[in-house]
Amino acid sequence: AVLGMLQSYGVTGNAMTAAVRWLVPAYLALCIFLGGASGGGYGANAMLELLAIPLLVLASLARPEPPPERAERALLFGLGAVLVLICLQFVPLPAALWRALPGRAEIVRPFAAAGIPFGQGFVSLIPHDSLKSALWLLPAVSVLMAMMYARALFSGRNIAIALVAAMCVSVLLGAMQIAAGPDSGLYFYHFTNRGYAVGFFANANHMASLLLVTVPFQAALLREGLETEGSRRAAIIGGVVASYAVTVCGVFVAGSLAGYGLLLPVTLASALIVRGTRRMRLVAAVLLPVMVVAGLGLILATSDGRSMLDPTSNMGQEIG
């Protein structure tokens, strides 16, 4: 449907089809490059939110082929519930009802002591921050809706390639950050984990999340390579193996405890994408709990890991 809309404007050819299928992957990569901090990259986040609007428009105009499946429709219902919850935050409440909500008495007390009447309030304590948080959902929602309703805007292979490529660039940037030192200008945000390889993010744990999220997509590309014949087979397999080596190096360079603890479980679970045989599923069912417990033990064996259990710890500033 989307291709038909573009063709109606005189855009034709295989090149156009290939370019259109890179729209969502390119936008996803742009979100990784520019959306690395919620509290420091306001201009970049605003640009990503604005770019999300055309994707939402295309998704709303397109006719899904094939129609969304039951699981996808359930996901839409969940998204609708989230939107309702967001809208409820801006419902004005009578003063008496607002004061009866938890945590409101402490806010009203200074006004009462000063003799200032307190009028209506919203469900949200800080409505403008709630609105800002809601707008941050636009990129994720636009990608989801485009993938469900405007399937011509992407291919699964392109999504995987874009994600893996963005990860590799981010690891390269992280290595340069480590080499240049904590005062390097390669850290893009004022509030960041200096001294760690954060890549395009402000937080080392977020960098580790990108690395771990990439692993299932590498497994999907590896499966494609194993099913491919000819010269492309070796190229795909070699590229995937090299990118996974970059992922492993990135996890250790990033210095995130979550990355250390989850790398092996995520890798084992992703192996089911490559070889989803019954025997492999049984092996994963046995080994995954062991690996998760071992990863948790590895984290708690470090002083930083034990500090996370301390409510007075300042770990958030140290490793995010």
C-alpha atoms as a PDB file:
ATOM      1  CA  ALA A   1       0.000   0.000   0.000  1.00  0.00           C
ATOM      2  CA  VAL A   2       2.836   2.397   0.882  1.00  0.00           C
ATOM      3  CA  LEU A   3       4.656   1.553  -2.353  1.00  0.00           C
ATOM      4  CA  GLY A   4       1.427   2.141  -4.248  1.00  0.00           C
ATOM      5  CA  MET A   5       1.083   5.571  -2.651  1.00  0.00           C
ATOM      6  CA  LEU A   6       4.632   6.462  -3.690  1.00  0.00           C
ATOM      7  CA  GLN A   7       4.104   5.125  -7.216  1.00  0.00           C
ATOM      8  CA  SER A   8       1.032   7.325  -7.541  1.00  0.00           C
ATOM      9  CA  TYR A   9       3.396  10.284  -7.205  1.00  0.00           C
ATOM     10  CA  GLY A  10       5.547   8.975 -10.034  1.00  0.00           C
ATOM     11  CA  VAL A  11       8.182   7.214  -7.906  1.00  0.00           C
ATOM     12  CA  THR A  12       8.950   3.850  -9.487  1.00  0.00           C
ATOM     13  CA  GLY A  13      11.646   1.250  -9.882  1.00  0.00           C
ATOM     14  CA  ASN A  14      13.536  -1.322  -7.880  1.00  0.00           C
ATOM     15  CA  ALA A  15      15.794   1.363  -6.423  1.00  0.00           C
ATOM     16  CA  MET A  16      12.755   3.062  -4.927  1.00  0.00           C
ATOM     17  CA  THR A  17      11.581  -0.225  -3.410  1.00  0.00           C
ATOM     18  CA  ALA A  18      14.996  -0.875  -1.887  1.00  0.00           C
ATOM     19  CA  ALA A  19      15.256   2.660  -0.528  1.00  0.00           C
ATOM     20  CA  VAL A  20      11.797   2.526   1.035  1.00  0.00           C
ATOM     21  CA  ARG A  21      12.669  -0.699   2.829  1.00  0.00           C
ATOM     22  CA  TRP A  22      15.481   1.141   4.594  1.00  0.00           C
ATOM     23  CA  LEU A  23      13.254   3.878   6.059  1.00  0.00           C
ATOM     24  CA  VAL A  24      12.448   2.177   9.365  1.00  0.00           C
ATOM     25  CA  PRO A  25      15.933   0.622   9.798  1.00  0.00           C
ATOM     26  CA  ALA A  26      17.571   3.993   9.115  1.00  0.00           C
ATOM     27  CA  TYR A  27      15.274   5.688  11.620  1.00  0.00           C
ATOM     28  CA  LEU A  28      16.050   2.989  14.197  1.00  0.00           C
ATOM     29  CA  ALA A  29      19.787   3.575  13.732  1.00  0.00           C
ATOM     30  CA  LEU A  30      19.225   7.317  14.048  1.00  0.00           C
ATOM     31  CA  CYS A  31      17.442   6.741  17.367  1.00  0.00           C
ATOM     32  CA  ILE A  32      20.528   4.889  18.632  1.00  0.00           C
ATOM     33  CA  PHE A  33      22.887   7.628  17.471  1.00  0.00           C
ATOM     34  CA  LEU A  34      20.863  10.581  18.786  1.00  0.00           C
ATOM     35  CA  GLY A  35      18.611   9.214  21.523  1.00  0.00           C
ATOM     36  CA  GLY A  36      21.267   8.271  24.074  1.00  0.00           C
ATOM     37  CA  ALA A  37      20.002  10.384  26.966  1.00  0.00           C
ATOM     38  CA  SER A  38      16.572  11.447  28.134  1.00  0.00           C
ATOM     39  CA  GLY A  39      17.823  14.300  30.305  1.00  0.00           C
ATOM     40  CA  GLY A  40      20.623  15.768  28.212  1.00  0.00           C
ATOM     41  CA  GLY A  41      19.753  15.500  24.540  1.00  0.00           C
ATOM     42  CA  TYR A  42      16.606  17.610  24.325  1.00  0.00           C
ATOM     43  CA  GLY A  43      17.242  18.899  20.816  1.00  0.00           C
ATOM     44  CA  ALA A  44      18.090  15.461  19.431  1.00  0.00           C
ATOM     45  CA  ASN A  45      15.118  13.874  21.185  1.00  0.00           C
ATOM     46  CA  ALA A  46      12.806  16.553  19.802  1.00  0.00           C
ATOM     47  CA  MET A  47      14.076  15.852  16.276  1.00  0.00           C
ATOM     48  CA  LEU A  48      13.478  12.113  16.700  1.00  0.00           C
ATOM     49  CA  GLU A  49       9.969  12.805  17.983  1.00  0.00           C
ATOM     50  CA  LEU A  50       9.205  15.022  14.990  1.00  0.00           C
ATOM     51  CA  LEU A  51      10.570  12.427  12.569  1.00  0.00           C
ATOM     52  CA  ALA A  52       8.315   9.842  14.202  1.00  0.00           C
ATOM     53  CA  ILE A  53       5.203  11.695  13.054  1.00  0.00           C
ATOM     54  CA  PRO A  54       5.605  10.895   9.307  1.00  0.00           C
ATOM     55  CA  LEU A  55       6.074   7.215  10.186  1.00  0.00           C
ATOM     56  CA  LEU A  56       2.854   7.276  12.199  1.00  0.00           C
ATOM     57  CA  VAL A  57       1.049   8.980   9.310  1.00  0.00           C
ATOM     58  CA  LEU A  58       2.300   6.380   6.810  1.00  0.00           C
ATOM     59  CA  ALA A  59       1.317   3.578   9.172  1.00  0.00           C
ATOM     60  CA  SER A  60      -2.177   5.025   9.572  1.00  0.00           C
ATOM     61  CA  LEU A  61      -2.649   5.346   5.788  1.00  0.00           C
ATOM     62  CA  ALA A  62      -1.236   1.948   4.862  1.00  0.00           C
ATOM     63  CA  ARG A  63      -3.236  -1.242   4.573  1.00  0.00           C
ATOM     64  CA  PRO A  64      -1.382  -4.072   6.353  1.00  0.00           C
ATOM     65  CA  GLU A  65      -0.554  -7.035   4.141  1.00  0.00           C
ATOM     66  CA  PRO A  66      -1.093  -9.539   5.666  1.00  0.00           C
ATOM     67  CA  PRO A  67      -3.422  -8.205   8.395  1.00  0.00           C
ATOM     68  CA  PRO A  68      -2.078  -8.120  11.981  1.00  0.00           C
ATOM     69  CA  GLU A  69      -2.169 -11.481  13.741  1.00  0.00           C
ATOM     70  CA  ARG A  70      -3.812 -12.141  17.097  1.00  0.00           C
ATOM     71  CA  ALA A  71      -0.604 -11.507  19.069  1.00  0.00           C
ATOM     72  CA  GLU A  72      -0.095  -8.217  17.214  1.00  0.00           C
ATOM     73  CA  ARG A  73      -3.651  -7.149  17.953  1.00  0.00           C
ATOM     74  CA  ALA A  74      -3.085  -7.968  21.623  1.00  0.00           C
ATOM     75  CA  LEU A  75      -0.008  -5.751  21.514  1.00  0.00           C
ATOM     76  CA  LEU A  76      -2.153  -2.954  20.103  1.00  0.00           C
ATOM     77  CA  PHE A  77      -4.653  -3.360  22.940  1.00  0.00           C
ATOM     78  CA  GLY A  78      -1.762  -3.098  25.393  1.00  0.00           C
ATOM     79  CA  LEU A  79      -0.541   0.042  23.650  1.00  0.00           C
ATOM     80  CA  GLY A  80      -4.066   1.465  23.835  1.00  0.00           C
ATOM     81  CA  ALA A  81      -4.145   0.780  27.567  1.00  0.00           C
ATOM     82  CA  VAL A  82      -0.861   2.652  27.977  1.00  0.00           C
ATOM     83  CA  LEU A  83      -2.276   5.617  26.054  1.00  0.00           C
ATOM     84  CA  VAL A  84      -5.353   5.656  28.282  1.00  0.00           C
ATOM     85  CA  LEU A  85      -3.105   5.609  31.355  1.00  0.00           C
ATOM     86  CA  ILE A  86      -1.145   8.544  29.953  1.00  0.00           C
ATOM     87  CA  CYS A  87      -4.311  10.531  29.270  1.00  0.00           C
ATOM     88  CA  LEU A  88      -5.531   9.900  32.815  1.00  0.00           C
ATOM     89  CA  GLN A  89      -2.495  11.764  34.133  1.00  0.00           C
ATOM     90  CA  PHE A  90      -3.963  15.019  32.812  1.00  0.00           C
ATOM     91  CA  VAL A  91      -7.458  14.667  34.253  1.00  0.00           C
ATOM     92  CA  PRO A  92      -8.184  17.640  36.584  1.00  0.00           C
ATOM     93  CA  LEU A  93      -9.346  16.579  40.033  1.00  0.00           C
ATOM     94  CA  PRO A  94     -11.271  18.523  42.698  1.00  0.00           C
ATOM     95  CA  ALA A  95      -9.024  19.828  45.456  1.00  0.00           C
ATOM     96  CA  ALA A  96     -10.498  17.501  48.099  1.00  0.00           C
ATOM     97  CA  LEU A  97     -10.005  14.404  45.956  1.00  0.00           C
ATOM     98  CA  TRP A  98      -6.512  15.520  44.913  1.00  0.00           C
ATOM     99  CA  ARG A  99      -5.444  15.976  48.544  1.00  0.00           C
ATOM    100  CA  ALA A 100      -6.725  12.489  49.387  1.00  0.00           C
ATOM    101  CA  LEU A 101      -4.299  10.847  46.952  1.00  0.00           C
ATOM    102  CA  PRO A 102      -1.060   9.402  48.418  1.00  0.00           C
ATOM    103  CA  GLY A 103       1.802  11.858  48.836  1.00  0.00           C
ATOM    104  CA  ARG A 104      -0.302  14.979  48.283  1.00  0.00           C
ATOM    105  CA  ALA A 105      -0.592  16.036  51.929  1.00  0.00           C
ATOM    106  CA  GLU A 106       3.085  17.001  52.106  1.00  0.00           C
ATOM    107  CA  ILE A 107       2.656  19.204  49.026  1.00  0.00           C
ATOM    108  CA  VAL A 108      -0.451  20.961  50.333  1.00  0.00           C
ATOM    109  CA  ARG A 109       0.953  21.585  53.839  1.00  0.00           C
ATOM    110  CA  PRO A 110       3.198  24.579  52.930  1.00  0.00           C
ATOM    111  CA  PHE A 111       0.329  26.204  51.014  1.00  0.00           C
ATOM    112  CA  ALA A 112      -1.990  25.754  53.994  1.00  0.00           C
ATOM    113  CA  ALA A 113       0.613  27.165  56.392  1.00  0.00           C
ATOM    114  CA  ALA A 114       0.954  30.236  54.174  1.00  0.00           C
ATOM    115  CA  GLY A 115      -2.817  30.667  53.915  1.00  0.00           C
ATOM    116  CA  ILE A 116      -2.812  30.060  50.156  1.00  0.00           C
ATOM    117  CA  PRO A 117      -5.869  28.138  48.901  1.00  0.00           C
ATOM    118  CA  PHE A 118      -5.014  25.088  46.825  1.00  0.00           C
ATOM    119  CA  GLY A 119      -7.299  24.610  43.845  1.00  0.00           C
ATOM    120  CA  GLN A 120      -7.635  21.789  41.362  1.00  0.00           C
ATOM    121  CA  GLY A 121      -4.770  19.457  40.603  1.00  0.00           C
ATOM    122  CA  PHE A 122      -3.974  16.784  38.073  1.00  0.00           C
ATOM    123  CA  VAL A 123      -3.399  13.102  38.671  1.00  0.00           C
ATOM    124  CA  SER A 124       0.215  13.747  37.673  1.00  0.00           C
ATOM    125  CA  LEU A 125       2.254  15.722  40.183  1.00  0.00           C
ATOM    126  CA  ILE A 126       4.240  17.365  37.360  1.00  0.00           C
ATOM    127  CA  PRO A 127       1.985  17.460  34.264  1.00  0.00           C
ATOM    128  CA  HIS A 128       4.552  19.087  31.957  1.00  0.00           C
ATOM    129  CA  ASP A 129       7.110  16.391  32.776  1.00  0.00           C
ATOM    130  CA  SER A 130       4.459  13.717  32.210  1.00  0.00           C
ATOM    131  CA  LEU A 131       3.726  15.208  28.790  1.00  0.00           C
ATOM    132  CA  LYS A 132       7.437  15.263  27.986  1.00  0.00           C
ATOM    133  CA  SER A 133       7.734  11.614  29.002  1.00  0.00           C
ATOM    134  CA  ALA A 134       4.749  10.714  26.842  1.00  0.00           C
ATOM    135  CA  LEU A 135       6.352  12.370  23.818  1.00  0.00           C
ATOM    136  CA  TRP A 136       9.460  10.228  24.369  1.00  0.00           C
ATOM    137  CA  LEU A 137       7.297   7.232  23.455  1.00  0.00           C
ATOM    138  CA  LEU A 138       6.732   8.563  19.932  1.00  0.00           C
ATOM    139  CA  PRO A 139       9.850   7.000  18.308  1.00  0.00           C
ATOM    140  CA  ALA A 140       9.174   3.539  19.747  1.00  0.00           C
ATOM    141  CA  VAL A 141       5.463   3.670  18.941  1.00  0.00           C
ATOM    142  CA  SER A 142       6.092   4.919  15.396  1.00  0.00           C
ATOM    143  CA  VAL A 143       8.539   2.079  14.668  1.00  0.00           C
ATOM    144  CA  LEU A 144       6.088  -0.458  16.106  1.00  0.00           C
ATOM    145  CA  MET A 145       3.143   0.860  14.091  1.00  0.00           C
ATOM    146  CA  ALA A 146       5.207   1.097  10.892  1.00  0.00           C
ATOM    147  CA  MET A 147       6.377  -2.500  11.285  1.00  0.00           C
ATOM    148  CA  MET A 148       2.801  -3.706  11.849  1.00  0.00           C
ATOM    149  CA  TYR A 149       0.921  -1.635   9.276  1.00  0.00           C
ATOM    150  CA  ALA A 150       3.477  -0.299   6.761  1.00  0.00           C
ATOM    151  CA  ARG A 151       5.473  -3.444   6.122  1.00  0.00           C
ATOM    152  CA  ALA A 152       6.852  -2.031   2.878  1.00  0.00           C
ATOM    153  CA  LEU A 153       8.957   0.403   4.933  1.00  0.00           C
ATOM    154  CA  PHE A 154      11.333  -2.244   6.208  1.00  0.00           C
ATOM    155  CA  SER A 155      12.580  -5.788   5.934  1.00  0.00           C
ATOM    156  CA  GLY A 156      13.635  -7.940   8.855  1.00  0.00           C
ATOM    157  CA  ARG A 157      17.095  -8.351   7.348  1.00  0.00           C
ATOM    158  CA  ASN A 158      17.536  -4.595   7.001  1.00  0.00           C
ATOM    159  CA  ILE A 159      16.464  -4.067  10.613  1.00  0.00           C
ATOM    160  CA  ALA A 160      19.080  -6.577  11.779  1.00  0.00           C
ATOM    161  CA  ILE A 161      21.822  -5.083   9.613  1.00  0.00           C
ATOM    162  CA  ALA A 162      21.051  -1.532  10.784  1.00  0.00           C
ATOM    163  CA  LEU A 163      21.058  -2.578  14.439  1.00  0.00           C
ATOM    164  CA  VAL A 164      24.305  -4.551  14.164  1.00  0.00           C
ATOM    165  CA  ALA A 165      25.997  -1.732  12.221  1.00  0.00           C
ATOM    166  CA  ALA A 166      24.913   0.867  14.794  1.00  0.00           C
ATOM    167  CA  MET A 167      26.226  -1.378  17.568  1.00  0.00           C
ATOM    168  CA  CYS A 168      29.626  -1.751  15.883  1.00  0.00           C
ATOM    169  CA  VAL A 169      29.951   2.008  15.396  1.00  0.00           C
ATOM    170  CA  SER A 170      28.970   2.567  19.026  1.00  0.00           C
ATOM    171  CA  VAL A 171      31.600   0.086  20.247  1.00  0.00           C
ATOM    172  CA  LEU A 172      34.238   1.802  18.104  1.00  0.00           C
ATOM    173  CA  LEU A 173      33.260   5.137  19.625  1.00  0.00           C
ATOM    174  CA  GLY A 174      33.412   3.586  23.106  1.00  0.00           C
ATOM    175  CA  ALA A 175      36.934   2.305  22.480  1.00  0.00           C
ATOM    176  CA  MET A 176      37.955   5.800  21.395  1.00  0.00           C
ATOM    177  CA  GLN A 177      36.394   7.234  24.567  1.00  0.00           C
ATOM    178  CA  ILE A 178      38.432   4.868  26.729  1.00  0.00           C
ATOM    179  CA  ALA A 179      41.611   5.647  24.817  1.00  0.00           C
ATOM    180  CA  ALA A 180      41.087   9.418  25.065  1.00  0.00           C
ATOM    181  CA  GLY A 181      40.379   9.378  28.809  1.00  0.00           C
ATOM    182  CA  PRO A 182      37.558  10.652  31.062  1.00  0.00           C
ATOM    183  CA  ASP A 183      37.943  14.273  29.931  1.00  0.00           C
ATOM    184  CA  SER A 184      37.538  13.391  26.256  1.00  0.00           C
ATOM    185  CA  GLY A 185      35.230  15.467  24.117  1.00  0.00           C
ATOM    186  CA  LEU A 186      33.911  12.207  22.657  1.00  0.00           C
ATOM    187  CA  TYR A 187      31.441  11.971  25.542  1.00  0.00           C
ATOM    188  CA  PHE A 188      28.351  13.641  24.138  1.00  0.00           C
ATOM    189  CA  TYR A 189      26.487  14.354  27.394  1.00  0.00           C
ATOM    190  CA  HIS A 190      27.365  16.404  30.469  1.00  0.00           C
ATOM    191  CA  PHE A 191      25.908  13.839  32.877  1.00  0.00           C
ATOM    192  CA  THR A 192      27.501  10.594  31.756  1.00  0.00           C
ATOM    193  CA  ASN A 193      29.638   7.705  32.985  1.00  0.00           C
ATOM    194  CA  ARG A 194      33.030   9.206  32.191  1.00  0.00           C
ATOM    195  CA  GLY A 195      35.811   6.671  32.079  1.00  0.00           C
ATOM    196  CA  TYR A 196      33.468   4.012  30.664  1.00  0.00           C
ATOM    197  CA  ALA A 197      32.775   3.097  27.051  1.00  0.00           C
ATOM    198  CA  VAL A 198      29.250   4.489  26.749  1.00  0.00           C
ATOM    199  CA  GLY A 199      29.283   4.995  22.975  1.00  0.00           C
ATOM    200  CA  PHE A 200      26.387   7.169  21.862  1.00  0.00           C
ATOM    201  CA  PHE A 201      24.705   6.847  25.259  1.00  0.00           C
ATOM    202  CA  ALA A 202      25.071   8.687  28.545  1.00  0.00           C
ATOM    203  CA  ASN A 203      24.942   5.485  30.558  1.00  0.00           C
ATOM    204  CA  ALA A 204      27.144   2.373  30.460  1.00  0.00           C
ATOM    205  CA  ASN A 205      24.199   0.085  31.243  1.00  0.00           C
ATOM    206  CA  HIS A 206      22.300   1.463  28.261  1.00  0.00           C
ATOM    207  CA  MET A 207      25.298   0.739  26.069  1.00  0.00           C
ATOM    208  CA  ALA A 208      25.326  -2.823  27.417  1.00  0.00           C
ATOM    209  CA  SER A 209      21.600  -3.103  26.662  1.00  0.00           C
ATOM    210  CA  LEU A 210      22.268  -2.219  23.017  1.00  0.00           C
ATOM    211  CA  LEU A 211      24.995  -4.862  22.868  1.00  0.00           C
ATOM    212  CA  LEU A 212      22.755  -7.561  24.341  1.00  0.00           C
ATOM    213  CA  VAL A 213      19.743  -6.628  22.198  1.00  0.00           C
ATOM    214  CA  THR A 214      21.908  -7.047  19.120  1.00  0.00           C
ATOM    215  CA  VAL A 215      22.688 -10.724  19.844  1.00  0.00           C
ATOM    216  CA  PRO A 216      19.288 -12.186  18.754  1.00  0.00           C
ATOM    217  CA  PHE A 217      19.513 -10.238  15.501  1.00  0.00           C
ATOM    218  CA  GLN A 218      23.004 -11.603  14.911  1.00  0.00           C
ATOM    219  CA  ALA A 219      21.568 -15.085  15.463  1.00  0.00           C
ATOM    220  CA  ALA A 220      18.875 -14.404  12.858  1.00  0.00           C
ATOM    221  CA  LEU A 221      21.486 -13.245  10.352  1.00  0.00           C
ATOM    222  CA  LEU A 222      23.610 -16.309  11.120  1.00  0.00           C
ATOM    223  CA  ARG A 223      20.627 -18.565  10.417  1.00  0.00           C
ATOM    224  CA  GLU A 224      20.123 -16.782   7.111  1.00  0.00           C
ATOM    225  CA  GLY A 225      23.789 -17.329   6.294  1.00  0.00           C
ATOM    226  CA  LEU A 226      23.604 -21.045   7.096  1.00  0.00           C
ATOM    227  CA  GLU A 227      20.586 -21.377   4.806  1.00  0.00           C
ATOM    228  CA  THR A 228      22.324 -19.484   1.986  1.00  0.00           C
ATOM    229  CA  GLU A 229      24.366 -21.199  -0.696  1.00  0.00           C
ATOM    230  CA  GLY A 230      27.236 -19.902  -2.754  1.00  0.00           C
ATOM    231  CA  SER A 231      29.792 -17.221  -2.002  1.00  0.00           C
ATOM    232  CA  ARG A 232      27.343 -15.151   0.074  1.00  0.00           C
ATOM    233  CA  ARG A 233      27.191 -17.926   2.687  1.00  0.00           C
ATOM    234  CA  ALA A 234      30.785 -17.457   3.854  1.00  0.00           C
ATOM    235  CA  ALA A 235      30.471 -13.666   3.721  1.00  0.00           C
ATOM    236  CA  ILE A 236      27.342 -13.609   5.891  1.00  0.00           C
ATOM    237  CA  ILE A 237      28.658 -16.122   8.434  1.00  0.00           C
ATOM    238  CA  GLY A 238      32.017 -14.354   8.635  1.00  0.00           C
ATOM    239  CA  GLY A 239      30.348 -10.988   9.110  1.00  0.00           C
ATOM    240  CA  VAL A 240      28.076 -12.269  11.874  1.00  0.00           C
ATOM    241  CA  VAL A 241      30.950 -13.967  13.729  1.00  0.00           C
ATOM    242  CA  ALA A 242      33.041 -10.800  13.490  1.00  0.00           C
ATOM    243  CA  SER A 243      30.158  -8.641  14.737  1.00  0.00           C
ATOM    244  CA  TYR A 244      29.567 -11.001  17.675  1.00  0.00           C
ATOM    245  CA  ALA A 245      33.244 -10.679  18.579  1.00  0.00           C
ATOM    246  CA  VAL A 246      32.701  -6.908  18.587  1.00  0.00           C
ATOM    247  CA  THR A 247      29.695  -7.413  20.869  1.00  0.00           C
ATOM    248  CA  VAL A 248      31.706  -9.456  23.375  1.00  0.00           C
ATOM    249  CA  CYS A 249      34.536  -6.922  23.357  1.00  0.00           C
ATOM    250  CA  GLY A 250      31.999  -4.131  23.773  1.00  0.00           C
ATOM    251  CA  VAL A 251      30.443  -5.756  26.833  1.00  0.00           C
ATOM    252  CA  PHE A 252      33.809  -6.000  28.567  1.00  0.00           C
ATOM    253  CA  VAL A 253      34.901  -2.531  27.507  1.00  0.00           C
ATOM    254  CA  ALA A 254      31.616  -0.932  28.599  1.00  0.00           C
ATOM    255  CA  GLY A 255      32.168  -2.145  32.162  1.00  0.00           C
ATOM    256  CA  SER A 256      28.482  -2.735  32.869  1.00  0.00           C
ATOM    257  CA  LEU A 257      27.763  -5.394  35.475  1.00  0.00           C
ATOM    258  CA  ALA A 258      24.430  -6.127  33.795  1.00  0.00           C
ATOM    259  CA  GLY A 259      26.281  -6.788  30.554  1.00  0.00           C
ATOM    260  CA  TYR A 260      28.684  -9.180  32.268  1.00  0.00           C
ATOM    261  CA  GLY A 261      25.891 -11.143  33.913  1.00  0.00           C
ATOM    262  CA  LEU A 262      23.530 -11.379  30.942  1.00  0.00           C
ATOM    263  CA  LEU A 263      25.870 -11.996  28.008  1.00  0.00           C
ATOM    264  CA  LEU A 264      25.944 -15.795  28.277  1.00  0.00           C
ATOM    265  CA  PRO A 265      22.191 -16.271  28.981  1.00  0.00           C
ATOM    266  CA  VAL A 266      21.278 -13.998  26.069  1.00  0.00           C
ATOM    267  CA  THR A 267      23.700 -15.823  23.779  1.00  0.00           C
ATOM    268  CA  LEU A 268      22.286 -19.223  24.726  1.00  0.00           C
ATOM    269  CA  ALA A 269      18.695 -18.086  24.261  1.00  0.00           C
ATOM    270  CA  SER A 270      19.598 -16.551  20.890  1.00  0.00           C
ATOM    271  CA  ALA A 271      21.156 -19.839  19.806  1.00  0.00           C
ATOM    272  CA  LEU A 272      17.603 -21.222  19.668  1.00  0.00           C
ATOM    273  CA  ILE A 273      17.013 -18.911  16.698  1.00  0.00           C
ATOM    274  CA  VAL A 274      19.853 -20.615  14.848  1.00  0.00           C
ATOM    275  CA  ARG A 275      19.064 -24.203  15.866  1.00  0.00           C
ATOM    276  CA  GLY A 276      15.639 -24.462  17.407  1.00  0.00           C
ATOM    277  CA  THR A 277      15.608 -28.243  17.639  1.00  0.00           C
ATOM    278  CA  ARG A 278      13.936 -30.102  20.480  1.00  0.00           C
ATOM    279  CA  ARG A 279      17.304 -31.146  21.884  1.00  0.00           C
ATOM    280  CA  MET A 280      18.554 -27.565  21.785  1.00  0.00           C
ATOM    281  CA  ARG A 281      15.450 -26.350  23.615  1.00  0.00           C
ATOM    282  CA  LEU A 282      15.987 -28.950  26.348  1.00  0.00           C
ATOM    283  CA  VAL A 283      19.629 -27.920  26.720  1.00  0.00           C
ATOM    284  CA  ALA A 284      18.609 -24.265  26.937  1.00  0.00           C
ATOM    285  CA  ALA A 285      15.903 -25.054  29.517  1.00  0.00           C
ATOM    286  CA  VAL A 286      18.534 -26.690  31.734  1.00  0.00           C
ATOM    287  CA  LEU A 287      21.407 -24.264  31.208  1.00  0.00           C
ATOM    288  CA  LEU A 288      19.573 -20.938  31.130  1.00  0.00           C
ATOM    289  CA  PRO A 289      18.598 -20.910  34.851  1.00  0.00           C
ATOM    290  CA  VAL A 290      22.138 -21.985  35.746  1.00  0.00           C
ATOM    291  CA  MET A 291      23.627 -19.188  33.643  1.00  0.00           C
ATOM    292  CA  VAL A 292      21.260 -16.593  35.082  1.00  0.00           C
ATOM    293  CA  VAL A 293      22.157 -17.597  38.640  1.00  0.00           C
ATOM    294  CA  ALA A 294      25.863 -17.671  37.730  1.00  0.00           C
ATOM    295  CA  GLY A 295      25.571 -14.212  36.178  1.00  0.00           C
ATOM    296  CA  LEU A 296      23.841 -12.864  39.263  1.00  0.00           C
ATOM    297  CA  GLY A 297      26.543 -14.433  41.410  1.00  0.00           C
ATOM    298  CA  LEU A 298      29.218 -12.815  39.254  1.00  0.00           C
ATOM    299  CA  ILE A 299      27.603  -9.431  39.733  1.00  0.00           C
ATOM    300  CA  LEU A 300      27.211  -9.823  43.509  1.00  0.00           C
ATOM    301  CA  ALA A 301      30.787 -11.065  43.813  1.00  0.00           C
ATOM    302  CA  THR A 302      32.003  -7.569  42.994  1.00  0.00           C
ATOM    303  CA  SER A 303      31.963  -4.655  45.390  1.00  0.00           C
ATOM    304  CA  ASP A 304      29.958  -2.614  42.894  1.00  0.00           C
ATOM    305  CA  GLY A 305      27.396  -5.396  42.627  1.00  0.00           C
ATOM    306  CA  ARG A 306      26.988  -5.629  46.385  1.00  0.00           C
ATOM    307  CA  SER A 307      26.619  -1.862  46.546  1.00  0.00           C
ATOM    308  CA  MET A 308      23.472  -2.138  44.417  1.00  0.00           C
ATOM    309  CA  LEU A 309      21.778  -3.871  47.344  1.00  0.00           C
ATOM    310  CA  ASP A 310      22.638  -0.955  49.617  1.00  0.00           C
ATOM    311  CA  PRO A 311      19.803   1.644  49.566  1.00  0.00           C
ATOM    312  CA  THR A 312      22.302   4.375  50.485  1.00  0.00           C
ATOM    313  CA  SER A 313      24.611   3.491  47.593  1.00  0.00           C
ATOM    314  CA  ASN A 314      25.426   6.028  44.894  1.00  0.00           C
ATOM    315  CA  MET A 315      25.822   3.409  42.161  1.00  0.00           C
ATOM    316  CA  GLY A 316      23.537   5.268  39.798  1.00  0.00           C
ATOM    317  CA  GLN A 317      26.142   7.998  39.386  1.00  0.00           C
ATOM    318  CA  GLU A 318      29.021   5.528  39.048  1.00  0.00           C
ATOM    319  CA  ILE A 319      27.814   2.977  36.528  1.00  0.00           C
ATOM    320  CA  GLY A 320      24.299   4.135  35.645  1.00  0.00           C
END
